[in-house]
Amino acid sequence: MPITDWPEGERPREKLLERGPGALSDAELLALFLHTGVRGKTAVDLARELLADLGGLRGLLEAEASELCARPGVGRAKYALLRAALEVGQRHLEARLARGDALASPEDARRFVTRRLRHQPREVFACLFLDNRHRVIVFEELFFGTIDGATVHPREVVRRALAHNAAALILAHNHPSGVAEPSRADELVTRRLRDALALVDVRVLDHLVVGDGEVASFAERGLL
């Protein structure tokens, strides 16, 4: 049955307008971008099939262009639309933190570093530099490693903090394995960075470890 024959309250577009985007499933949201299905399948059916085959939204959005464009019902135009939607969401979140506002909550920082680091195929160590009112100055990716780790140099972190005249910062790195549990090495480097930065009066507010769908906070665990 075509979506146009569905009850109005069940059609993805009408449901979104009436109840908000949170009321839609992943497949219904994806169907809005696909717009049309293929022979014998509605856009929602096609969306469910894509999500199942590619491992959900993350797998779909990380799929290579050649793989996704070759799928029936997708093609280059719809692939471009999906990539543009992802980029708009990322830029919106970055704009919220980059416009000089103070961090409203720890969740703001979590969402930001998750967007920036979760999809990295190798370990990336980064810093979110803040002023004395905890307003964002800049986010910088500083060290890059293999899938197993990155070498972090405290002297370089201190140098960047001084260059930005930061009063505080949040450390962040990803675990490509998907497991956010901090390692012993993570704890050791965090203490080294905290002690080095304290010598120049820069506070380490937190160290966030980004996994697949979860973020571990050193501050919440009492590890700072």
Protein backbone atom coordinates (compact mmCIF):
# COMPACT_ATOMS: atom_id res chain seq x y z
CA MET A 1 0.00 0.00 0.00
CA PRO A 2 1.47 3.41 -0.94
CA ILE A 3 2.24 5.76 1.94
CA THR A 4 -0.29 8.21 0.51
CA ASP A 5 -2.99 5.61 1.31
CA TRP A 6 -1.90 5.28 4.93
CA PRO A 7 -3.93 6.99 7.70
CA GLU A 8 -2.71 10.57 7.86
CA GLY A 9 -1.42 10.23 11.40
CA GLU A 10 0.85 7.33 10.37
CA ARG A 11 2.54 9.02 7.40
CA PRO A 12 6.10 10.03 8.39
CA ARG A 13 5.84 13.66 7.23
CA GLU A 14 2.47 14.28 8.86
CA LYS A 15 3.56 12.49 12.02
CA LEU A 16 6.65 14.69 12.26
CA LEU A 17 4.67 17.89 11.77
CA GLU A 18 2.04 16.87 14.31
CA ARG A 19 4.12 15.13 16.98
CA GLY A 20 7.72 16.21 16.36
CA PRO A 21 10.73 14.33 14.95
CA GLY A 22 11.20 12.35 18.15
CA ALA A 23 8.00 10.45 17.41
CA LEU A 24 9.48 8.91 14.26
CA SER A 25 11.45 5.69 14.10
CA ASP A 26 14.85 5.60 12.37
CA ALA A 27 13.20 4.06 9.32
CA GLU A 28 10.52 6.76 9.18
CA LEU A 29 13.12 9.53 9.44
CA LEU A 30 15.22 7.93 6.73
CA ALA A 31 12.13 7.53 4.53
CA LEU A 32 11.66 11.31 4.52
CA PHE A 33 15.05 11.68 2.84
CA LEU A 34 14.54 8.78 0.46
CA HIS A 35 11.14 10.28 -0.46
CA THR A 36 10.24 7.39 -2.77
CA GLY A 37 10.59 3.66 -2.59
CA VAL A 38 11.08 1.07 -5.31
CA ARG A 39 8.71 -1.24 -7.07
CA GLY A 40 6.76 -3.19 -4.45
CA LYS A 41 8.30 -1.26 -1.51
CA THR A 42 7.38 2.05 0.08
CA ALA A 43 10.07 4.48 1.20
CA VAL A 44 9.61 3.18 4.76
CA ASP A 45 10.04 -0.42 3.59
CA LEU A 46 13.18 0.56 1.71
CA ALA A 47 14.50 2.44 4.74
CA ARG A 48 13.95 -0.57 7.01
CA GLU A 49 15.77 -2.80 4.54
CA LEU A 50 18.74 -0.43 4.30
CA LEU A 51 19.02 -0.09 8.07
CA ALA A 52 18.88 -3.86 8.54
CA ASP A 53 21.47 -4.55 5.85
CA LEU A 54 23.89 -1.80 6.87
CA GLY A 55 23.70 -2.07 10.66
CA GLY A 56 21.45 0.86 11.53
CA LEU A 57 21.81 4.59 11.00
CA ARG A 58 25.49 4.68 11.87
CA GLY A 59 26.35 1.94 9.41
CA LEU A 60 24.28 3.59 6.71
CA LEU A 61 25.78 7.04 7.20
CA GLU A 62 29.32 5.64 7.30
CA ALA A 63 28.86 3.48 4.20
CA GLU A 64 31.09 4.22 1.23
CA ALA A 65 29.46 6.31 -1.49
CA SER A 66 29.95 3.55 -4.05
CA GLU A 67 28.20 1.00 -1.83
CA LEU A 68 25.23 3.17 -0.95
CA CYS A 69 24.72 4.71 -4.38
CA ALA A 70 24.56 1.24 -5.89
CA ARG A 71 21.63 0.27 -3.69
CA PRO A 72 18.24 0.22 -5.46
CA GLY A 73 16.23 3.30 -4.55
CA VAL A 74 19.21 5.37 -3.34
CA GLY A 75 21.54 6.69 -6.05
CA ARG A 76 23.83 9.71 -6.01
CA ALA A 77 21.18 12.37 -5.39
CA LYS A 78 19.75 10.70 -2.28
CA TYR A 79 23.22 9.85 -1.02
CA ALA A 80 24.18 13.52 -1.32
CA LEU A 81 21.02 14.52 0.58
CA LEU A 82 21.82 12.11 3.42
CA ARG A 83 25.40 13.35 3.70
CA ALA A 84 24.21 16.95 3.68
CA ALA A 85 21.70 16.22 6.46
CA LEU A 86 24.45 14.67 8.59
CA GLU A 87 26.74 17.63 8.02
CA VAL A 88 23.99 20.12 8.90
CA GLY A 89 23.42 18.32 12.20
CA GLN A 90 27.13 18.34 13.03
CA ARG A 91 27.54 22.01 12.15
CA HIS A 92 24.50 22.95 14.21
CA LEU A 93 25.96 21.27 17.28
CA GLU A 94 29.36 22.84 16.69
CA ALA A 95 27.77 26.28 16.25
CA ARG A 96 26.05 25.96 19.62
CA LEU A 97 29.41 25.43 21.30
CA ALA A 98 31.42 27.81 19.13
CA ARG A 99 29.32 30.95 19.47
CA GLY A 100 30.86 31.95 22.81
CA ASP A 101 28.18 30.58 25.14
CA ALA A 102 29.19 28.82 28.32
CA LEU A 103 28.68 25.09 28.35
CA ALA A 104 25.14 24.65 29.62
CA SER A 105 25.69 21.10 30.87
CA PRO A 106 28.11 18.18 30.70
CA GLU A 107 25.77 16.68 28.09
CA ASP A 108 26.64 19.51 25.67
CA ALA A 109 30.29 18.48 25.80
CA ARG A 110 29.41 14.78 25.52
CA ARG A 111 27.29 15.27 22.42
CA PHE A 112 29.90 17.49 20.80
CA VAL A 113 32.90 15.19 21.27
CA THR A 114 30.81 12.15 20.33
CA ARG A 115 29.89 13.74 17.01
CA ARG A 116 33.49 14.67 16.33
CA LEU A 117 35.22 11.47 17.44
CA ARG A 118 32.89 8.48 17.35
CA HIS A 119 33.30 7.77 13.64
CA GLN A 120 37.10 8.03 13.61
CA PRO A 121 38.71 4.75 12.43
CA ARG A 122 41.83 5.40 14.54
CA GLU A 123 42.35 6.82 18.01
CA VAL A 124 42.26 10.62 18.13
CA PHE A 125 43.11 12.69 21.20
CA ALA A 126 41.54 16.16 21.33
CA CYS A 127 40.97 19.11 23.64
CA LEU A 128 38.02 21.44 24.08
CA PHE A 129 39.63 24.69 25.26
CA LEU A 130 37.52 26.99 27.49
CA ASP A 131 37.88 30.49 28.94
CA ASN A 132 37.43 31.39 32.63
CA ARG A 133 33.63 31.35 32.24
CA HIS A 134 33.72 27.96 30.55
CA ARG A 135 32.87 29.43 27.18
CA VAL A 136 34.25 27.49 24.25
CA ILE A 137 37.37 28.90 22.63
CA VAL A 138 38.19 26.12 20.20
CA PHE A 139 38.17 22.35 19.74
CA GLU A 140 41.42 20.85 18.48
CA GLU A 141 42.43 17.33 17.49
CA LEU A 142 46.02 17.09 18.67
CA PHE A 143 47.29 13.51 18.47
CA PHE A 144 46.51 10.66 16.13
CA GLY A 145 47.25 6.99 16.58
CA THR A 146 46.51 3.59 15.22
CA ILE A 147 43.45 1.56 16.12
CA ASP A 148 45.19 0.74 19.42
CA GLY A 149 46.27 4.12 20.74
CA ALA A 150 47.79 7.55 20.36
CA THR A 151 50.91 9.04 21.89
CA VAL A 152 49.99 12.10 23.94
CA HIS A 153 52.60 14.77 24.77
CA PRO A 154 51.71 16.93 27.81
CA ARG A 155 54.09 19.68 26.71
CA GLU A 156 52.14 20.14 23.46
CA VAL A 157 48.81 20.27 25.30
CA VAL A 158 50.20 22.92 27.66
CA ARG A 159 51.56 24.89 24.69
CA ARG A 160 48.17 24.88 22.94
CA ALA A 161 46.36 25.86 26.14
CA LEU A 162 48.66 28.85 26.58
CA ALA A 163 48.35 29.79 22.91
CA HIS A 164 44.56 29.96 23.30
CA ASN A 165 44.79 31.68 26.70
CA ALA A 166 42.56 28.91 28.05
CA ALA A 167 41.58 28.79 31.71
CA ALA A 168 40.18 25.27 31.54
CA LEU A 169 39.79 22.40 29.12
CA ILE A 170 38.09 19.09 28.55
CA LEU A 171 40.19 16.21 27.28
CA ALA A 172 38.62 13.71 24.91
CA HIS A 173 39.61 10.69 22.88
CA ASN A 174 37.86 7.82 21.16
CA HIS A 175 38.25 4.07 21.42
CA PRO A 176 37.85 2.63 17.91
CA SER A 177 37.05 -0.72 19.53
CA GLY A 178 33.72 0.83 20.58
CA VAL A 179 34.32 0.15 24.28
CA ALA A 180 34.38 3.40 26.25
CA GLU A 181 35.89 1.91 29.42
CA PRO A 182 39.03 3.94 30.33
CA SER A 183 42.25 1.97 30.31
CA ARG A 184 45.05 2.14 32.85
CA ALA A 185 47.06 4.10 30.27
CA ASP A 186 44.18 6.58 29.93
CA GLU A 187 44.23 7.15 33.69
CA LEU A 188 47.99 7.67 33.76
CA VAL A 189 48.07 10.17 30.91
CA THR A 190 45.14 12.07 32.42
CA ARG A 191 47.03 12.53 35.69
CA ARG A 192 50.15 13.64 33.81
CA LEU A 193 48.15 16.18 31.83
CA ARG A 194 46.27 17.42 34.89
CA ASP A 195 49.52 17.96 36.82
CA ALA A 196 51.30 19.63 33.88
CA LEU A 197 48.40 21.99 33.21
CA ALA A 198 48.05 22.86 36.90
CA LEU A 199 51.54 24.40 36.74
CA VAL A 200 50.17 27.03 34.34
CA ASP A 201 46.81 27.41 36.17
CA VAL A 202 44.72 25.58 33.58
CA ARG A 203 42.07 23.26 35.02
CA VAL A 204 41.16 19.91 33.51
CA LEU A 205 37.39 19.69 33.95
CA ASP A 206 36.93 16.23 32.50
CA HIS A 207 38.32 13.55 30.24
CA LEU A 208 35.71 11.96 28.00
CA VAL A 209 36.30 8.57 26.39
CA VAL A 210 34.06 8.06 23.38
CA GLY A 211 32.94 4.56 22.49
CA ASP A 212 30.19 3.24 20.28
CA GLY A 213 27.03 4.76 21.69
CA GLU A 214 28.49 5.55 25.12
CA VAL A 215 30.84 8.07 26.69
CA ALA A 216 32.83 7.51 29.89
CA SER A 217 33.51 10.57 32.06
CA PHE A 218 36.55 10.70 34.32
CA ALA A 219 34.93 13.45 36.40
CA GLU A 220 31.82 11.35 37.04
CA ARG A 221 33.97 8.38 38.05
CA GLY A 222 36.08 10.44 40.44
CA LEU A 223 39.24 9.86 38.42
CA LEU A 224 40.30 13.52 38.24
